[in-house]
Amino acid sequence: MPTHTTNADLFARAQRVIPGGVSSPVRAFGSVGGTPYFVARAEGPHVWDVEGRRLVDVVQSYGAIIAGHAHPAIVEAVAAAAADGTSYGAPTEREVLLAEEIRTRVPACERVRLVSSGTEATMSAIRLVRGATGRDRLVKFAGNYHGHSDGLLADAGSAVALIEADPSDPTAVPGSAGVPRGAVADTVVVPYNRVPELDDTVACVIVEPVAANMGLVPPAPGFLAGLRAECDRVGALLVFDEVITGFRLGRGGAQGRYGVTPDLSCFGKVIGGGLNVGAFGGRADLMDQMAPLGPVYQAGTLSGNPLATAAGLAALDLLDDAAYTRLEATARRLGEGLAGALGAAGLDVVVPVEGPLLGIHLAADPAVDYDTARTTDTATYARLFHALLDRGIALAPGPYEILFPGLAHDDATVDEVLAAAGDAARAVAEAGT
């Protein structure tokens, strides 16, 4: 429905009723400057803003969309589910089917609990590991983002404005006002891609198996296997946060790709087909310690929502082996093209590609951890972002986010992005001289 408004007018209205004018901070364009575009509708690889401008979208709801916006099979599934009611607060067949589908693709998930977001999934998994082990301390990696629950909001990558810890103190400090120091007193932050030495006070290690919130930083050879071995040595549990990598890196996610089995896995994004969903799962002996069977409490009125499970099942049904082959080929072609186009303009750039994921790191050398990830040229990224936006290409409005090419990004769409990237990069380089 046309609104006959502009992005600027709508942003001004939004700021009068919504803090910062947005419902999630990065959308405010604070990292790149300017006025955010407000999406009116989307289809396939494109979004249209309220001013009628069409943009090639490589954000794709930060990875929640993998088949393209408004995919007919997903729209049909959601419409049919909605006709039967939108929420019951009671079990449904589709949540059983979605849990079974997750277990089929990720055999380590012998039991699965559905929730409503990735944040809920990681928060609940941490509660479970503490209850199961009787230990309180958790280890996470600098630059890994695991949602905005208090205990995990420390050194959390691009998602938060960080309060830097004293490097001589291994205990994390909160990454947000309102989080008491006590909430992260048992959170230890260590460098990504280095296996920490643990002791028998550690309940778990939680990790993004492919770091995707400090740009794209793949795991170093042996890193994930080393975490598995070190956790086993001291009786700690290994938790993979696969909210981004799950069902995008392949049928079995990162654990299937790298051959390392965690004790618990957290999911979101792809399994909801664009609707609010999360899940966590793992060994039966662990998961059966959740209420109502065990003493670890977790609940949610909208958990297993009938619309989200319908959308998720429809999305997963599209993701066969051929789909993953296509996703990887698209990402590889886009990554090589972006590296060539930006490099030819004289920009220092590394474009890491891992399966169907890719990033833009504006520096001479690849990132291997959070410190090296922060060498990216944020000012140049902001100029490149707007130069591409002016040419009809929508990147994420933050230099540490990644790109999510999907099944809707065909060769013609990739060609359009690459042509715009070359032109935008030249304009940025010329303006900087």
Protein backbone atom coordinates (compact mmCIF):
# COMPACT_ATOMS: atom_id res chain seq x y z
CA MET A 1 0.00 0.00 0.00
CA PRO A 2 1.57 3.36 -1.00
CA THR A 3 2.31 5.61 1.94
CA HIS A 4 3.14 8.79 -0.04
CA THR A 5 6.01 9.54 2.31
CA THR A 6 9.78 9.73 2.18
CA ASN A 7 12.41 7.84 4.11
CA ALA A 8 13.39 11.06 5.87
CA ASP A 9 9.82 11.87 6.88
CA LEU A 10 9.20 8.36 8.13
CA PHE A 11 12.48 8.31 10.08
CA ALA A 12 11.53 11.59 11.74
CA ARG A 13 8.14 10.13 12.73
CA ALA A 14 9.79 6.95 13.96
CA GLN A 15 12.17 8.84 16.21
CA ARG A 16 9.22 10.41 17.99
CA VAL A 17 7.81 7.03 19.03
CA ILE A 18 10.69 4.50 18.80
CA PRO A 19 14.05 4.99 20.57
CA GLY A 20 16.47 6.02 17.83
CA GLY A 21 13.73 5.47 15.27
CA VAL A 22 14.54 1.77 14.90
CA SER A 23 13.76 -1.56 16.55
CA SER A 24 17.35 -2.83 16.28
CA PRO A 25 20.33 -0.48 16.58
CA VAL A 26 22.31 -1.14 13.37
CA ARG A 27 19.30 -0.13 11.29
CA ALA A 28 19.74 3.50 12.36
CA PHE A 29 22.78 3.88 10.02
CA GLY A 30 24.88 5.08 12.95
CA SER A 31 28.00 3.35 11.58
CA VAL A 32 27.66 4.73 8.06
CA GLY A 33 25.74 7.98 8.52
CA GLY A 34 22.69 9.19 6.66
CA THR A 35 19.02 8.28 6.77
CA PRO A 36 17.92 4.64 6.74
CA TYR A 37 15.66 3.43 3.97
CA PHE A 38 12.30 2.04 5.07
CA VAL A 39 11.28 -1.11 3.21
CA ALA A 40 7.80 -1.19 1.74
CA ARG A 41 7.96 -4.61 0.10
CA ALA A 42 10.40 -7.24 -1.10
CA GLU A 43 10.58 -10.01 -3.67
CA GLY A 44 13.42 -12.36 -4.57
CA PRO A 45 16.76 -10.52 -4.36
CA HIS A 46 15.15 -7.07 -4.19
CA VAL A 47 13.60 -4.69 -1.70
CA TRP A 48 11.66 -1.52 -2.51
CA ASP A 49 11.70 1.41 -0.12
CA VAL A 50 8.77 3.70 0.65
CA GLU A 51 9.94 6.08 -2.09
CA GLY A 52 9.63 3.33 -4.70
CA ARG A 53 13.38 2.78 -5.15
CA ARG A 54 14.39 -0.79 -5.98
CA LEU A 55 17.53 -2.14 -4.30
CA VAL A 56 19.43 -5.37 -4.83
CA ASP A 57 19.46 -6.70 -1.29
CA VAL A 58 22.47 -8.72 -0.15
CA VAL A 59 21.46 -8.33 3.50
CA GLN A 60 18.46 -10.69 3.21
CA SER A 61 17.33 -9.99 6.77
CA TYR A 62 20.85 -10.72 8.06
CA GLY A 63 20.64 -14.30 6.89
CA ALA A 64 17.09 -15.13 7.93
CA ILE A 65 16.11 -15.20 4.25
CA ILE A 66 17.88 -17.82 2.12
CA ALA A 67 15.42 -18.55 -0.70
CA GLY A 68 14.73 -14.92 -1.53
CA HIS A 69 12.08 -12.56 -0.25
CA ALA A 70 8.44 -13.65 -0.51
CA HIS A 71 9.28 -17.07 -1.94
CA PRO A 72 5.95 -18.51 -3.18
CA ALA A 73 6.31 -21.80 -1.29
CA ILE A 74 6.99 -20.01 2.00
CA VAL A 75 4.26 -17.42 1.49
CA GLU A 76 1.77 -20.19 0.70
CA ALA A 77 2.79 -22.16 3.80
CA VAL A 78 2.44 -19.13 6.08
CA ALA A 79 -0.91 -18.12 4.58
CA ALA A 80 -2.31 -21.62 5.03
CA ALA A 81 -1.07 -21.77 8.62
CA ALA A 82 -2.45 -18.31 9.44
CA ALA A 83 -5.88 -19.35 8.25
CA ASP A 84 -5.92 -21.94 11.04
CA GLY A 85 -4.89 -19.44 13.73
CA THR A 86 -1.70 -17.62 14.61
CA SER A 87 -0.93 -18.87 18.11
CA TYR A 88 -2.35 -21.51 20.43
CA GLY A 89 -0.10 -21.87 23.46
CA ALA A 90 -0.41 -25.60 22.87
CA PRO A 91 1.63 -28.22 21.02
CA THR A 92 1.28 -28.57 17.24
CA GLU A 93 2.28 -31.19 14.70
CA ARG A 94 4.48 -28.78 12.78
CA GLU A 95 6.80 -28.15 15.74
CA VAL A 96 7.36 -31.90 15.94
CA LEU A 97 8.06 -31.99 12.22
CA LEU A 98 10.53 -29.10 12.44
CA ALA A 99 12.36 -30.68 15.37
CA GLU A 100 12.53 -33.97 13.45
CA GLU A 101 13.90 -32.17 10.39
CA ILE A 102 16.60 -30.48 12.47
CA ARG A 103 17.57 -33.82 14.02
CA THR A 104 17.70 -35.48 10.58
CA ARG A 105 20.09 -32.83 9.28
CA VAL A 106 22.09 -32.47 12.50
CA PRO A 107 22.30 -35.92 14.14
CA ALA A 108 23.98 -34.50 17.26
CA CYS A 109 20.63 -32.87 18.08
CA GLU A 110 18.96 -35.91 19.60
CA ARG A 111 16.47 -33.58 21.30
CA VAL A 112 15.42 -30.09 20.16
CA ARG A 113 13.64 -27.30 22.01
CA LEU A 114 12.05 -24.52 19.93
CA VAL A 115 12.14 -20.90 21.10
CA SER A 116 11.44 -17.55 19.46
CA SER A 117 14.89 -16.09 18.71
CA GLY A 118 18.59 -16.83 18.53
CA THR A 119 19.09 -14.87 21.74
CA GLU A 120 16.64 -17.15 23.54
CA ALA A 121 18.41 -20.20 22.12
CA THR A 122 21.88 -19.24 23.37
CA MET A 123 20.58 -17.91 26.70
CA SER A 124 18.70 -21.15 27.33
CA ALA A 125 21.63 -23.31 26.25
CA ILE A 126 23.91 -21.55 28.72
CA ARG A 127 21.41 -22.10 31.52
CA LEU A 128 21.23 -25.76 30.58
CA VAL A 129 25.01 -26.30 30.59
CA ARG A 130 25.33 -24.64 33.97
CA GLY A 131 22.53 -26.77 35.35
CA ALA A 132 23.94 -29.95 33.84
CA THR A 133 27.55 -29.44 34.92
CA GLY A 134 27.03 -27.68 38.24
CA ARG A 135 29.63 -25.14 37.10
CA ASP A 136 29.17 -21.41 36.52
CA ARG A 137 32.04 -20.17 34.33
CA LEU A 138 31.68 -19.90 30.57
CA VAL A 139 34.26 -19.09 27.94
CA LYS A 140 33.43 -17.07 24.84
CA PHE A 141 35.52 -15.49 22.12
CA ALA A 142 36.14 -11.81 21.52
CA GLY A 143 34.07 -10.61 18.59
CA ASN A 144 31.59 -13.50 18.73
CA TYR A 145 27.98 -12.37 19.16
CA HIS A 146 25.56 -14.71 20.89
CA GLY A 147 22.54 -12.49 21.35
CA HIS A 148 21.82 -9.80 23.90
CA SER A 149 21.30 -11.77 27.11
CA ASP A 150 23.30 -10.24 29.98
CA GLY A 151 25.87 -12.97 30.51
CA LEU A 152 26.87 -13.12 26.84
CA LEU A 153 26.93 -9.39 26.13
CA ALA A 154 30.67 -8.97 26.58
CA ASP A 155 33.16 -8.33 23.77
CA ALA A 156 30.32 -9.21 21.46
CA GLY A 157 31.50 -7.94 18.10
CA SER A 158 29.68 -5.55 15.83
CA ALA A 159 26.38 -5.81 17.61
CA VAL A 160 27.22 -3.61 20.59
CA ALA A 161 29.17 -0.51 21.55
CA LEU A 162 31.83 -2.19 23.62
CA ILE A 163 33.32 -1.17 26.91
CA GLU A 164 36.87 -2.46 26.55
CA ALA A 165 38.20 -4.80 29.21
CA ASP A 166 41.53 -4.36 30.93
CA PRO A 167 43.75 -6.74 28.90
CA SER A 168 45.39 -7.92 32.13
CA ASP A 169 42.01 -9.00 33.49
CA PRO A 170 40.52 -12.10 31.78
CA THR A 171 37.08 -11.42 33.23
CA ALA A 172 34.69 -9.71 30.87
CA VAL A 173 33.06 -6.38 31.47
CA PRO A 174 29.51 -5.68 30.29
CA GLY A 175 29.06 -4.49 26.73
CA SER A 176 25.97 -2.45 27.62
CA ALA A 177 24.75 -0.11 30.29
CA GLY A 178 22.20 -1.83 32.47
CA VAL A 179 24.16 -5.07 32.64
CA PRO A 180 25.66 -5.43 36.14
CA ARG A 181 29.26 -6.54 36.39
CA GLY A 182 28.04 -9.55 38.32
CA ALA A 183 26.12 -10.77 35.28
CA VAL A 184 29.38 -11.30 33.40
CA ALA A 185 31.59 -12.15 36.38
CA ASP A 186 31.63 -15.77 35.26
CA THR A 187 32.17 -14.95 31.57
CA VAL A 188 35.76 -15.26 30.35
CA VAL A 189 36.61 -13.72 26.97
CA VAL A 190 39.52 -15.12 24.96
CA PRO A 191 40.89 -14.51 21.43
CA TYR A 192 39.15 -16.24 18.53
CA ASN A 193 41.07 -18.91 16.61
CA ARG A 194 43.22 -19.78 19.63
CA VAL A 195 42.35 -22.78 21.82
CA PRO A 196 42.25 -21.65 25.46
CA GLU A 197 43.51 -23.72 28.35
CA LEU A 198 40.53 -24.62 30.51
CA ASP A 199 40.13 -25.90 34.04
CA ASP A 200 37.45 -27.84 35.86
CA THR A 201 35.52 -24.69 36.84
CA VAL A 202 34.43 -24.09 33.23
CA ALA A 203 30.88 -25.14 32.36
CA CYS A 204 31.16 -24.57 28.63
CA VAL A 205 32.86 -22.95 25.69
CA ILE A 206 30.46 -21.19 23.32
CA VAL A 207 31.68 -20.26 19.85
CA GLU A 208 30.54 -19.08 16.45
CA PRO A 209 32.17 -21.87 14.41
CA VAL A 210 32.52 -19.30 11.63
CA ALA A 211 32.76 -15.83 13.12
CA ALA A 212 30.25 -13.63 11.31
CA ASN A 213 29.84 -10.58 13.54
CA MET A 214 33.33 -9.14 13.14
CA GLY A 215 33.24 -9.45 9.41
CA LEU A 216 33.69 -13.00 8.18
CA VAL A 217 36.52 -14.85 9.93
CA PRO A 218 36.74 -18.58 9.19
CA PRO A 219 38.05 -21.00 11.82
CA ALA A 220 41.77 -21.72 11.59
CA PRO A 221 42.70 -25.33 10.80
CA GLY A 222 42.41 -27.38 13.97
CA PHE A 223 40.70 -24.65 16.00
CA LEU A 224 37.28 -26.29 16.35
CA ALA A 225 38.75 -29.76 16.87
CA GLY A 226 41.06 -28.27 19.48
CA LEU A 227 38.09 -26.81 21.35
CA ARG A 228 36.40 -30.21 21.33
CA ALA A 229 39.50 -31.88 22.76
CA GLU A 230 40.10 -29.24 25.43
CA CYS A 231 36.47 -29.36 26.59
CA ASP A 232 36.67 -33.14 26.82
CA ARG A 233 39.87 -32.89 28.85
CA VAL A 234 38.24 -30.92 31.68
CA GLY A 235 34.64 -32.13 31.40
CA ALA A 236 33.30 -28.87 29.95
CA LEU A 237 30.61 -28.76 27.28
CA LEU A 238 31.08 -27.34 23.79
CA VAL A 239 28.28 -25.15 22.42
CA PHE A 240 28.15 -24.16 18.75
CA ASP A 241 26.20 -20.98 18.04
CA GLU A 242 24.94 -21.86 14.57
CA VAL A 243 22.30 -19.14 14.39
CA ILE A 244 24.04 -17.86 11.23
CA THR A 245 25.84 -20.98 9.98
CA GLY A 246 23.07 -23.49 10.68
CA PHE A 247 21.48 -24.81 7.47
CA ARG A 248 23.38 -22.19 5.44
CA LEU A 249 26.86 -23.73 5.35
CA GLY A 250 25.23 -26.99 4.33
CA ARG A 251 22.62 -29.50 5.41
CA GLY A 252 24.46 -30.13 8.66
CA GLY A 253 25.67 -26.57 9.27
CA ALA A 254 29.20 -25.85 10.44
CA GLN A 255 29.50 -29.06 12.44
CA GLY A 256 28.74 -31.06 9.34
CA ARG A 257 31.15 -29.03 7.25
CA TYR A 258 34.09 -29.25 9.66
CA GLY A 259 33.39 -32.64 11.22
CA VAL A 260 33.39 -31.44 14.83
CA THR A 261 30.44 -32.41 17.04
CA PRO A 262 29.37 -30.05 19.83
CA ASP A 263 27.37 -31.06 22.88
CA LEU A 264 24.74 -28.40 22.20
CA SER A 265 23.84 -26.38 19.10
CA CYS A 266 21.88 -23.15 18.77
CA PHE A 267 19.90 -22.22 15.67
CA GLY A 268 17.76 -19.40 14.27
CA LYS A 269 17.35 -17.40 11.06
CA VAL A 270 17.08 -20.03 8.26
CA ILE A 271 14.87 -22.39 10.29
CA GLY A 272 12.16 -19.73 10.50
CA GLY A 273 11.90 -18.89 6.82
CA GLY A 274 11.94 -15.21 7.77
CA LEU A 275 9.71 -15.46 10.84
CA ASN A 276 10.69 -15.25 14.52
CA VAL A 277 12.24 -18.53 15.60
CA GLY A 278 15.13 -20.10 17.44
CA ALA A 279 16.07 -23.57 18.60
CA PHE A 280 18.69 -25.38 20.60
CA GLY A 281 19.42 -29.06 20.72
CA GLY A 282 21.92 -31.70 21.64
CA ARG A 283 22.47 -34.98 23.42
CA ALA A 284 19.37 -36.54 24.92
CA ASP A 285 20.91 -36.85 28.39
CA LEU A 286 21.54 -33.09 28.42
CA MET A 287 18.34 -31.91 26.82
CA ASP A 288 16.21 -34.12 29.07
CA GLN A 289 17.35 -32.00 32.00
CA MET A 290 15.04 -29.27 30.67
CA ALA A 291 11.64 -28.80 32.31
CA PRO A 292 9.23 -30.57 32.41
CA LEU A 293 11.58 -33.58 32.65
CA GLY A 294 14.38 -31.96 34.60
CA PRO A 295 15.25 -29.04 36.88
CA VAL A 296 16.38 -26.49 34.24
CA TYR A 297 13.49 -24.14 33.52
CA GLN A 298 12.74 -22.52 30.16
CA ALA A 299 9.43 -21.48 28.65
CA GLY A 300 7.87 -19.28 25.96
CA THR A 301 4.29 -18.44 25.02
CA LEU A 302 5.16 -18.23 21.32
CA SER A 303 7.70 -21.07 21.22
CA GLY A 304 6.90 -23.42 18.33
CA ASN A 305 4.67 -20.77 16.78
CA PRO A 306 2.53 -22.31 14.00
CA LEU A 307 3.40 -19.64 11.42
CA ALA A 308 7.14 -19.80 12.10
CA THR A 309 7.24 -23.59 11.97
CA ALA A 310 5.28 -23.59 8.71
CA ALA A 311 7.70 -21.10 7.17
CA GLY A 312 10.72 -22.96 8.49
CA LEU A 313 9.61 -26.31 7.13
CA ALA A 314 8.94 -24.76 3.73
CA ALA A 315 12.37 -23.11 3.69
CA LEU A 316 14.23 -26.27 4.67
CA ASP A 317 12.34 -28.21 2.02
CA LEU A 318 14.01 -26.00 -0.60
CA LEU A 319 17.51 -26.68 0.73
CA ASP A 320 18.71 -29.86 -0.95
CA ASP A 321 22.25 -30.66 -2.06
CA ALA A 322 21.75 -28.86 -5.37
CA ALA A 323 20.67 -25.71 -3.54
CA TYR A 324 23.86 -25.69 -1.45
CA THR A 325 26.01 -26.21 -4.54
CA ARG A 326 24.30 -23.23 -6.12
CA LEU A 327 24.67 -21.08 -3.00
CA GLU A 328 28.39 -21.74 -2.80
CA ALA A 329 28.91 -21.02 -6.50
CA THR A 330 27.05 -17.72 -6.20
CA ALA A 331 29.08 -16.64 -3.16
CA ARG A 332 32.36 -17.62 -4.80
CA ARG A 333 31.56 -15.67 -7.98
CA LEU A 334 30.36 -12.65 -6.03
CA GLY A 335 33.37 -12.74 -3.72
CA GLU A 336 35.91 -13.00 -6.51
CA GLY A 337 34.16 -10.24 -8.43
CA LEU A 338 34.01 -7.89 -5.45
CA ALA A 339 37.67 -8.45 -4.64
CA GLY A 340 38.58 -7.69 -8.24
CA ALA A 341 36.33 -4.65 -8.58
CA LEU A 342 37.35 -3.01 -5.31
CA GLY A 343 41.01 -3.90 -5.70
CA ALA A 344 41.15 -2.58 -9.26
CA ALA A 345 40.00 0.80 -7.94
CA GLY A 346 42.95 0.88 -5.58
CA LEU A 347 41.18 -0.02 -2.36
CA ASP A 348 42.87 -2.34 0.12
CA VAL A 349 40.40 -5.19 0.41
CA VAL A 350 40.14 -8.83 1.40
CA VAL A 351 36.89 -10.63 0.56
CA PRO A 352 36.79 -13.84 2.60
CA VAL A 353 34.40 -16.51 1.34
CA GLU A 354 33.38 -19.52 3.41
CA GLY A 355 30.80 -21.68 1.73
CA PRO A 356 27.87 -19.36 0.90
CA LEU A 357 29.03 -16.61 3.28
CA LEU A 358 31.30 -13.68 2.43
CA GLY A 359 32.57 -10.48 3.97
CA ILE A 360 34.26 -7.24 2.95
CA HIS A 361 37.39 -6.50 4.97
CA LEU A 362 38.87 -3.17 3.91
CA ALA A 363 42.49 -3.83 4.87
CA ALA A 364 45.58 -5.27 3.26
CA ASP A 365 45.63 -8.49 5.31
CA PRO A 366 42.91 -10.98 6.21
CA ALA A 367 41.43 -10.98 9.70
CA VAL A 368 42.00 -13.94 11.97
CA ASP A 369 40.55 -12.63 15.24
CA TYR A 370 38.74 -9.61 16.69
CA ASP A 371 41.82 -7.43 16.91
CA THR A 372 42.72 -7.93 13.26
CA ALA A 373 39.06 -7.65 12.22
CA ARG A 374 39.05 -4.14 13.63
CA THR A 375 41.76 -3.07 11.20
CA THR A 376 39.06 -2.69 8.54
CA ASP A 377 38.74 0.88 7.26
CA THR A 378 35.36 1.89 8.68
CA ALA A 379 35.37 5.35 7.08
CA THR A 380 35.96 3.91 3.62
CA TYR A 381 33.27 1.31 4.24
CA ALA A 382 30.77 4.08 5.02
CA ARG A 383 31.62 5.85 1.75
CA LEU A 384 31.42 2.59 -0.18
CA PHE A 385 28.11 1.72 1.44
CA HIS A 386 26.52 4.97 0.31
CA ALA A 387 28.11 4.84 -3.14
CA LEU A 388 26.59 1.39 -3.64
CA LEU A 389 23.26 2.45 -2.18
CA ASP A 390 23.16 5.34 -4.66
CA ARG A 391 23.64 2.73 -7.40
CA GLY A 392 20.84 0.49 -6.15
CA ILE A 393 22.79 -2.03 -4.05
CA ALA A 394 22.01 -2.53 -0.35
CA LEU A 395 24.81 -3.76 1.90
CA ALA A 396 24.40 -3.98 5.66
CA PRO A 397 24.83 -0.53 7.28
CA GLY A 398 27.78 -1.63 9.37
CA PRO A 399 31.39 -2.51 8.47
CA TYR A 400 31.47 -5.72 10.51
CA GLU A 401 28.38 -7.34 9.05
CA ILE A 402 28.57 -9.92 6.26
CA LEU A 403 26.82 -10.58 2.95
CA PHE A 404 24.14 -13.24 2.51
CA PRO A 405 23.72 -14.15 -1.16
CA GLY A 406 20.86 -16.58 -1.52
CA LEU A 407 19.02 -18.72 -4.01
CA ALA A 408 17.34 -15.66 -5.54
CA HIS A 409 20.66 -14.05 -6.51
CA ASP A 410 21.06 -15.32 -10.07
CA ASP A 411 23.91 -14.52 -12.44
CA ALA A 412 22.22 -11.38 -13.73
CA THR A 413 21.78 -10.08 -10.20
CA VAL A 414 25.42 -10.80 -9.35
CA ASP A 415 26.47 -9.01 -12.55
CA GLU A 416 24.43 -5.99 -11.48
CA VAL A 417 26.12 -5.93 -8.07
CA LEU A 418 29.60 -6.26 -9.55
CA ALA A 419 29.07 -3.52 -12.14
CA ALA A 420 27.84 -1.18 -9.41
CA ALA A 421 30.71 -2.18 -7.13
CA GLY A 422 33.33 -1.28 -9.70
CA ASP A 423 31.75 2.10 -10.36
CA ALA A 424 31.22 2.79 -6.65
CA ALA A 425 34.78 1.80 -5.74
CA ARG A 426 36.23 4.11 -8.38
CA ALA A 427 34.12 6.98 -7.08
CA VAL A 428 35.24 6.30 -3.49
CA ALA A 429 38.89 6.06 -4.50
CA GLU A 430 38.75 9.27 -6.53
CA ALA A 431 37.04 11.16 -3.70
CA GLY A 432 39.77 10.04 -1.34
CA THR A 433 42.64 11.35 -3.44
